[in-house]
N, C-alpha and C. Protein backbone atom coordinates (compact mmCIF):
# COMPACT_ATOMS: atom_id res chain seq x y z
N UNK A 1 -27.76 290.15 65.97
CA UNK A 1 -26.93 290.46 67.11
C UNK A 1 -25.46 290.59 66.71
N UNK A 2 -25.07 289.83 65.70
CA UNK A 2 -23.68 289.86 65.27
C UNK A 2 -23.29 291.25 64.76
N UNK A 3 -24.22 291.91 64.08
CA UNK A 3 -23.94 293.24 63.57
C UNK A 3 -23.75 294.26 64.69
N UNK A 4 -24.53 294.14 65.73
CA UNK A 4 -24.43 295.08 66.84
C UNK A 4 -23.09 294.92 67.55
N UNK A 5 -22.69 293.68 67.79
CA UNK A 5 -21.39 293.43 68.42
C UNK A 5 -20.28 293.99 67.54
N UNK A 6 -20.37 293.77 66.23
CA UNK A 6 -19.34 294.28 65.31
C UNK A 6 -19.31 295.80 65.32
N UNK A 7 -20.47 296.44 65.38
CA UNK A 7 -20.51 297.91 65.42
C UNK A 7 -19.91 298.46 66.71
N UNK A 8 -20.19 297.81 67.82
CA UNK A 8 -19.62 298.26 69.10
C UNK A 8 -18.10 298.13 69.06
N UNK A 9 -17.60 297.01 68.56
CA UNK A 9 -16.15 296.83 68.47
C UNK A 9 -15.55 297.82 67.46
N UNK A 10 -16.28 298.15 66.40
CA UNK A 10 -15.78 299.12 65.42
C UNK A 10 -15.61 300.49 66.06
N UNK A 11 -16.58 300.90 66.86
CA UNK A 11 -16.48 302.19 67.56
C UNK A 11 -15.31 302.17 68.54
N UNK A 12 -15.17 301.07 69.26
CA UNK A 12 -14.05 300.96 70.22
C UNK A 12 -12.72 300.99 69.48
N UNK A 13 -12.63 300.27 68.36
CA UNK A 13 -11.40 300.28 67.57
C UNK A 13 -11.06 301.65 67.03
N UNK A 14 -12.07 302.38 66.57
CA UNK A 14 -11.84 303.73 66.07
C UNK A 14 -11.40 304.67 67.19
N UNK A 15 -12.02 304.54 68.35
CA UNK A 15 -11.62 305.39 69.49
C UNK A 15 -10.19 305.09 69.94
N UNK A 16 -9.85 303.82 70.02
CA UNK A 16 -8.48 303.47 70.42
C UNK A 16 -7.46 303.95 69.38
N UNK A 17 -7.80 303.82 68.11
CA UNK A 17 -6.89 304.30 67.06
C UNK A 17 -6.73 305.81 67.14
N UNK A 18 -7.83 306.52 67.40
CA UNK A 18 -7.77 307.97 67.48
C UNK A 18 -6.91 308.43 68.66
N UNK A 19 -7.09 307.80 69.79
CA UNK A 19 -6.39 308.24 71.00
C UNK A 19 -4.92 307.84 71.01
N UNK A 20 -4.63 306.60 70.59
CA UNK A 20 -3.28 306.08 70.79
C UNK A 20 -2.43 305.98 69.52
N UNK A 21 -3.02 305.93 68.34
CA UNK A 21 -2.25 305.57 67.16
C UNK A 21 -2.18 306.65 66.09
N UNK A 22 -3.29 307.24 65.75
CA UNK A 22 -3.39 308.07 64.54
C UNK A 22 -2.45 309.27 64.54
N UNK A 23 -2.40 309.97 65.63
CA UNK A 23 -1.57 311.17 65.67
C UNK A 23 -0.09 310.81 65.56
N UNK A 24 0.33 309.77 66.24
CA UNK A 24 1.73 309.35 66.18
C UNK A 24 2.12 308.90 64.77
N UNK A 25 1.25 308.14 64.14
CA UNK A 25 1.53 307.68 62.77
C UNK A 25 1.59 308.86 61.81
N UNK A 26 0.64 309.78 61.93
CA UNK A 26 0.62 310.94 61.05
C UNK A 26 1.86 311.81 61.26
N UNK A 27 2.25 312.02 62.51
CA UNK A 27 3.47 312.80 62.78
C UNK A 27 4.70 312.12 62.18
N UNK A 28 4.78 310.81 62.31
CA UNK A 28 5.93 310.07 61.79
C UNK A 28 6.00 310.16 60.27
N UNK A 29 4.86 310.00 59.60
CA UNK A 29 4.85 310.07 58.13
C UNK A 29 5.25 311.46 57.65
N UNK A 30 4.71 312.49 58.27
CA UNK A 30 5.02 313.86 57.85
C UNK A 30 6.48 314.21 58.15
N UNK A 31 7.02 313.69 59.23
CA UNK A 31 8.40 313.99 59.59
C UNK A 31 9.40 313.39 58.61
N UNK A 32 9.03 312.34 57.92
CA UNK A 32 9.93 311.69 56.98
C UNK A 32 9.76 312.16 55.54
N UNK A 33 9.08 313.26 55.36
CA UNK A 33 8.88 313.82 54.02
C UNK A 33 9.35 315.28 54.02
N UNK A 34 9.63 315.80 52.83
CA UNK A 34 9.93 317.23 52.70
C UNK A 34 8.82 317.85 51.86
N UNK A 35 8.48 319.10 52.19
CA UNK A 35 7.34 319.76 51.56
C UNK A 35 7.72 321.14 51.07
N UNK A 36 7.01 321.59 50.05
CA UNK A 36 7.18 322.95 49.53
C UNK A 36 6.45 323.97 50.41
N UNK A 37 5.29 323.58 50.92
CA UNK A 37 4.52 324.51 51.75
C UNK A 37 3.98 323.78 52.98
N UNK A 38 3.60 324.57 53.96
CA UNK A 38 3.04 323.98 55.17
C UNK A 38 1.64 323.41 54.92
N UNK A 39 0.97 323.92 53.91
CA UNK A 39 -0.35 323.37 53.57
C UNK A 39 -0.24 321.92 53.11
N UNK A 40 0.79 321.62 52.33
CA UNK A 40 0.99 320.24 51.89
C UNK A 40 1.25 319.31 53.07
N UNK A 41 2.03 319.78 54.02
CA UNK A 41 2.31 318.97 55.21
C UNK A 41 1.04 318.74 56.01
N UNK A 42 0.24 319.77 56.17
CA UNK A 42 -1.00 319.62 56.93
C UNK A 42 -2.00 318.71 56.22
N UNK A 43 -2.07 318.80 54.89
CA UNK A 43 -2.96 317.93 54.14
C UNK A 43 -2.56 316.46 54.27
N UNK A 44 -1.26 316.19 54.20
CA UNK A 44 -0.80 314.81 54.36
C UNK A 44 -1.05 314.32 55.78
N UNK A 45 -0.82 315.19 56.77
CA UNK A 45 -1.07 314.82 58.16
C UNK A 45 -2.54 314.46 58.35
N UNK A 46 -3.43 315.26 57.80
CA UNK A 46 -4.86 315.00 57.93
C UNK A 46 -5.24 313.69 57.23
N UNK A 47 -4.69 313.45 56.05
CA UNK A 47 -5.00 312.24 55.30
C UNK A 47 -4.55 310.98 56.05
N UNK A 48 -3.34 311.01 56.57
CA UNK A 48 -2.82 309.85 57.31
C UNK A 48 -3.59 309.66 58.61
N UNK A 49 -3.94 310.74 59.27
CA UNK A 49 -4.72 310.66 60.50
C UNK A 49 -6.06 309.99 60.24
N UNK A 50 -6.76 310.42 59.20
CA UNK A 50 -8.06 309.84 58.87
C UNK A 50 -7.93 308.39 58.40
N UNK A 51 -6.90 308.09 57.62
CA UNK A 51 -6.70 306.72 57.16
C UNK A 51 -6.41 305.79 58.34
N UNK A 52 -5.68 306.25 59.32
CA UNK A 52 -5.42 305.44 60.52
C UNK A 52 -6.71 305.20 61.31
N UNK A 53 -7.55 306.20 61.39
CA UNK A 53 -8.83 306.03 62.08
C UNK A 53 -9.73 305.03 61.34
N UNK A 54 -9.76 305.11 60.02
CA UNK A 54 -10.55 304.17 59.24
C UNK A 54 -10.01 302.75 59.39
N UNK A 55 -8.69 302.62 59.42
CA UNK A 55 -8.08 301.30 59.63
C UNK A 55 -8.47 300.74 61.00
N UNK A 56 -8.48 301.58 62.03
CA UNK A 56 -8.92 301.15 63.36
C UNK A 56 -10.39 300.76 63.37
N UNK A 57 -11.21 301.50 62.63
CA UNK A 57 -12.63 301.17 62.53
C UNK A 57 -12.83 299.81 61.87
N UNK A 58 -12.13 299.57 60.77
CA UNK A 58 -12.26 298.29 60.06
C UNK A 58 -11.72 297.14 60.90
N UNK A 59 -10.59 297.36 61.56
CA UNK A 59 -10.02 296.31 62.41
C UNK A 59 -10.97 295.97 63.57
N UNK A 60 -11.56 296.98 64.16
CA UNK A 60 -12.53 296.74 65.23
C UNK A 60 -13.75 296.00 64.75
N UNK A 61 -14.24 296.36 63.56
CA UNK A 61 -15.39 295.67 62.98
C UNK A 61 -15.06 294.19 62.77
N UNK A 62 -13.88 293.92 62.21
CA UNK A 62 -13.51 292.53 61.95
C UNK A 62 -13.36 291.72 63.23
N UNK A 63 -12.77 292.32 64.24
CA UNK A 63 -12.62 291.63 65.54
C UNK A 63 -13.99 291.34 66.13
N UNK A 64 -14.88 292.32 66.10
CA UNK A 64 -16.23 292.12 66.62
C UNK A 64 -17.00 291.08 65.84
N UNK A 65 -16.83 291.07 64.53
CA UNK A 65 -17.51 290.10 63.68
C UNK A 65 -17.06 288.68 63.99
N UNK A 66 -15.74 288.52 64.19
CA UNK A 66 -15.21 287.19 64.50
C UNK A 66 -15.64 286.75 65.90
N UNK A 67 -15.56 287.64 66.87
CA UNK A 67 -15.96 287.29 68.24
C UNK A 67 -17.44 286.94 68.30
N UNK A 68 -18.27 287.70 67.63
CA UNK A 68 -19.70 287.41 67.64
C UNK A 68 -20.01 286.13 66.88
N UNK A 69 -19.16 285.74 65.95
CA UNK A 69 -19.38 284.53 65.19
C UNK A 69 -19.11 283.28 65.99
N UNK A 70 -18.32 283.37 67.04
CA UNK A 70 -18.04 282.19 67.86
C UNK A 70 -19.26 281.72 68.63
N UNK A 71 -20.17 282.59 68.96
CA UNK A 71 -21.36 282.21 69.71
C UNK A 71 -22.48 281.69 68.84
N UNK A 72 -22.25 281.62 67.57
CA UNK A 72 -23.27 281.21 66.62
C UNK A 72 -23.26 279.70 66.44
N UNK A 73 -24.41 279.12 66.21
CA UNK A 73 -24.49 277.68 65.98
C UNK A 73 -24.04 277.37 64.55
N UNK A 74 -23.71 276.11 64.30
CA UNK A 74 -23.22 275.70 62.98
C UNK A 74 -24.29 275.83 61.90
N UNK A 75 -25.46 275.36 62.18
CA UNK A 75 -26.55 275.41 61.20
C UNK A 75 -27.59 276.42 61.63
N UNK A 76 -28.08 277.24 60.68
CA UNK A 76 -29.13 278.19 61.05
C UNK A 76 -30.43 277.45 61.37
N UNK A 77 -31.22 278.00 62.27
CA UNK A 77 -32.47 277.33 62.64
C UNK A 77 -33.41 277.26 61.45
N UNK A 78 -34.12 276.15 61.35
CA UNK A 78 -35.03 275.95 60.20
C UNK A 78 -36.39 276.53 60.45
């Protein structure tokens, strides 16, 4: 059950990161750099966008794992 809760929170974390965080972070990183071509700027934007989504996925997984762990007993059943 702990894995399912962690997976649900991971999906929620990734969705929240995609909607609220990733684009803003990618725009900010690209705006503070200078590029030779627009392709380089787009590649960096895509990389930062995906990295932010992965970070949201991992953060959601960890939150779900910790929350699901609170409902667990101290000793596993024998």
